[in-house]
Amino acid sequence: MNTISPRRAGIAFGGACGLMYLGCVFVMQTVPETAVVRFFNSIMHGINVEPIMRWDMPWWEAIIGFIQFSILGWLFGALVAVLYNISSRPDK
């Protein structure tokens, strides 16, 4: 029976979430504001995100956000691995 290492799955999910966060930061820093708002509105099924967008985020808040998002991704990945391992146990 195959099992998934919660630590490795957490690292994979956390890394993927961190890269997604950095991609979001990159888009917000390089693309015009109207295009960013249109992009995120389309992702959110037409919900207007413009009133909650922050364009003046300091660099240290972006680093904290990256760390938090990576940790949450790690926790989610580890949880998925643990739940997978529990659900794949052979019946006794």
C-alpha atoms as a PDB file:
ATOM      1  CA  MET A   1       0.000   0.000   0.000  1.00  0.00           C
ATOM      2  CA  ASN A   2       1.392   3.407  -0.956  1.00  0.00           C
ATOM      3  CA  THR A   3       1.447   6.242   1.532  1.00  0.00           C
ATOM      4  CA  ILE A   4       2.227   9.929   1.145  1.00  0.00           C
ATOM      5  CA  SER A   5       4.754  11.623   3.394  1.00  0.00           C
ATOM      6  CA  PRO A   6       2.939  14.512   5.119  1.00  0.00           C
ATOM      7  CA  ARG A   7       6.217  16.431   5.413  1.00  0.00           C
ATOM      8  CA  ARG A   8       7.013  16.126   1.704  1.00  0.00           C
ATOM      9  CA  ALA A   9       3.454  16.854   0.617  1.00  0.00           C
ATOM     10  CA  GLY A  10       3.452  19.890   2.905  1.00  0.00           C
ATOM     11  CA  ILE A  11       6.677  21.145   1.373  1.00  0.00           C
ATOM     12  CA  ALA A  12       5.281  20.660  -2.143  1.00  0.00           C
ATOM     13  CA  PHE A  13       1.992  22.426  -1.396  1.00  0.00           C
ATOM     14  CA  GLY A  14       3.727  25.171   0.584  1.00  0.00           C
ATOM     15  CA  GLY A  15       6.202  25.783  -2.223  1.00  0.00           C
ATOM     16  CA  ALA A  16       3.434  25.897  -4.808  1.00  0.00           C
ATOM     17  CA  CYS A  17       1.435  28.357  -2.695  1.00  0.00           C
ATOM     18  CA  GLY A  18       4.526  30.510  -2.178  1.00  0.00           C
ATOM     19  CA  LEU A  19       5.167  30.614  -5.929  1.00  0.00           C
ATOM     20  CA  MET A  20       1.538  31.540  -6.561  1.00  0.00           C
ATOM     21  CA  TYR A  21       1.827  34.370  -4.041  1.00  0.00           C
ATOM     22  CA  LEU A  22       5.003  35.665  -5.698  1.00  0.00           C
ATOM     23  CA  GLY A  23       3.250  35.462  -9.073  1.00  0.00           C
ATOM     24  CA  CYS A  24       0.391  37.533  -7.705  1.00  0.00           C
ATOM     25  CA  VAL A  25       2.834  40.122  -6.341  1.00  0.00           C
ATOM     26  CA  PHE A  26       4.619  40.217  -9.703  1.00  0.00           C
ATOM     27  CA  VAL A  27       1.343  40.749 -11.592  1.00  0.00           C
ATOM     28  CA  MET A  28       0.231  43.519  -9.253  1.00  0.00           C
ATOM     29  CA  GLN A  29       3.585  45.305  -9.595  1.00  0.00           C
ATOM     30  CA  THR A  30       3.959  45.057 -13.382  1.00  0.00           C
ATOM     31  CA  VAL A  31       0.459  45.148 -14.915  1.00  0.00           C
ATOM     32  CA  PRO A  32      -1.718  48.285 -15.085  1.00  0.00           C
ATOM     33  CA  GLU A  33      -4.276  48.569 -12.271  1.00  0.00           C
ATOM     34  CA  THR A  34      -7.317  48.304 -14.553  1.00  0.00           C
ATOM     35  CA  ALA A  35      -6.036  45.061 -16.065  1.00  0.00           C
ATOM     36  CA  VAL A  36      -5.260  43.611 -12.611  1.00  0.00           C
ATOM     37  CA  VAL A  37      -8.759  44.459 -11.364  1.00  0.00           C
ATOM     38  CA  ARG A  38     -10.325  42.948 -14.500  1.00  0.00           C
ATOM     39  CA  PHE A  39      -8.202  39.791 -14.099  1.00  0.00           C
ATOM     40  CA  PHE A  40      -9.111  39.263 -10.437  1.00  0.00           C
ATOM     41  CA  ASN A  41     -12.762  40.126 -11.062  1.00  0.00           C
ATOM     42  CA  SER A  42     -12.890  37.341 -13.654  1.00  0.00           C
ATOM     43  CA  ILE A  43     -11.305  34.872 -11.214  1.00  0.00           C
ATOM     44  CA  MET A  44     -13.849  35.848  -8.535  1.00  0.00           C
ATOM     45  CA  HIS A  45     -16.823  35.210 -10.877  1.00  0.00           C
ATOM     46  CA  GLY A  46     -17.535  38.890 -11.438  1.00  0.00           C
ATOM     47  CA  ILE A  47     -17.276  40.063  -7.821  1.00  0.00           C
ATOM     48  CA  ASN A  48     -15.773  43.548  -7.849  1.00  0.00           C
ATOM     49  CA  VAL A  49     -12.468  43.351  -5.978  1.00  0.00           C
ATOM     50  CA  GLU A  50     -11.403  46.928  -6.734  1.00  0.00           C
ATOM     51  CA  PRO A  51     -12.561  48.371  -3.372  1.00  0.00           C
ATOM     52  CA  ILE A  52     -10.443  45.867  -1.429  1.00  0.00           C
ATOM     53  CA  MET A  53      -7.290  46.034  -3.580  1.00  0.00           C
ATOM     54  CA  ARG A  54      -4.207  47.568  -1.936  1.00  0.00           C
ATOM     55  CA  TRP A  55      -1.712  49.188  -4.256  1.00  0.00           C
ATOM     56  CA  ASP A  56       0.609  50.611  -1.589  1.00  0.00           C
ATOM     57  CA  MET A  57       1.659  47.474   0.299  1.00  0.00           C
ATOM     58  CA  PRO A  58       5.141  47.780   1.833  1.00  0.00           C
ATOM     59  CA  TRP A  59       7.728  45.155   0.877  1.00  0.00           C
ATOM     60  CA  TRP A  60       7.882  43.747   4.409  1.00  0.00           C
ATOM     61  CA  GLU A  61       4.116  43.039   4.376  1.00  0.00           C
ATOM     62  CA  ALA A  62       4.556  41.169   1.095  1.00  0.00           C
ATOM     63  CA  ILE A  63       7.279  39.030   2.706  1.00  0.00           C
ATOM     64  CA  ILE A  64       5.065  38.306   5.706  1.00  0.00           C
ATOM     65  CA  GLY A  65       2.210  37.386   3.339  1.00  0.00           C
ATOM     66  CA  PHE A  66       4.508  35.057   1.410  1.00  0.00           C
ATOM     67  CA  ILE A  67       5.566  33.325   4.626  1.00  0.00           C
ATOM     68  CA  GLN A  68       1.978  33.024   5.871  1.00  0.00           C
ATOM     69  CA  PHE A  69       0.703  31.693   2.550  1.00  0.00           C
ATOM     70  CA  SER A  70       3.549  29.162   2.398  1.00  0.00           C
ATOM     71  CA  ILE A  71       2.836  27.959   5.943  1.00  0.00           C
ATOM     72  CA  LEU A  72      -0.872  27.595   5.199  1.00  0.00           C
ATOM     73  CA  GLY A  73       0.008  25.663   2.037  1.00  0.00           C
ATOM     74  CA  TRP A  74       2.323  23.397   4.053  1.00  0.00           C
ATOM     75  CA  LEU A  75      -0.451  22.722   6.572  1.00  0.00           C
ATOM     76  CA  PHE A  76      -2.953  21.993   3.811  1.00  0.00           C
ATOM     77  CA  GLY A  77      -0.549  19.652   2.015  1.00  0.00           C
ATOM     78  CA  ALA A  78       0.265  17.770   5.214  1.00  0.00           C
ATOM     79  CA  LEU A  79      -3.447  17.486   6.025  1.00  0.00           C
ATOM     80  CA  VAL A  80      -4.218  16.091   2.570  1.00  0.00           C
ATOM     81  CA  ALA A  81      -1.424  13.509   2.974  1.00  0.00           C
ATOM     82  CA  VAL A  82      -2.611  12.457   6.434  1.00  0.00           C
ATOM     83  CA  LEU A  83      -6.220  12.137   5.280  1.00  0.00           C
ATOM     84  CA  TYR A  84      -5.111  10.176   2.218  1.00  0.00           C
ATOM     85  CA  ASN A  85      -3.052   7.806   4.363  1.00  0.00           C
ATOM     86  CA  ILE A  86      -5.960   7.275   6.760  1.00  0.00           C
ATOM     87  CA  SER A  87      -8.427   6.653   3.947  1.00  0.00           C
ATOM     88  CA  SER A  88      -6.120   4.211   2.145  1.00  0.00           C
ATOM     89  CA  ARG A  89      -5.627   1.880   5.104  1.00  0.00           C
ATOM     90  CA  PRO A  90      -6.662  -1.665   4.336  1.00  0.00           C
ATOM     91  CA  ASP A  91      -9.800  -2.852   6.076  1.00  0.00           C
ATOM     92  CA  LYS A  92      -9.071  -5.201   8.946  1.00  0.00           C
END
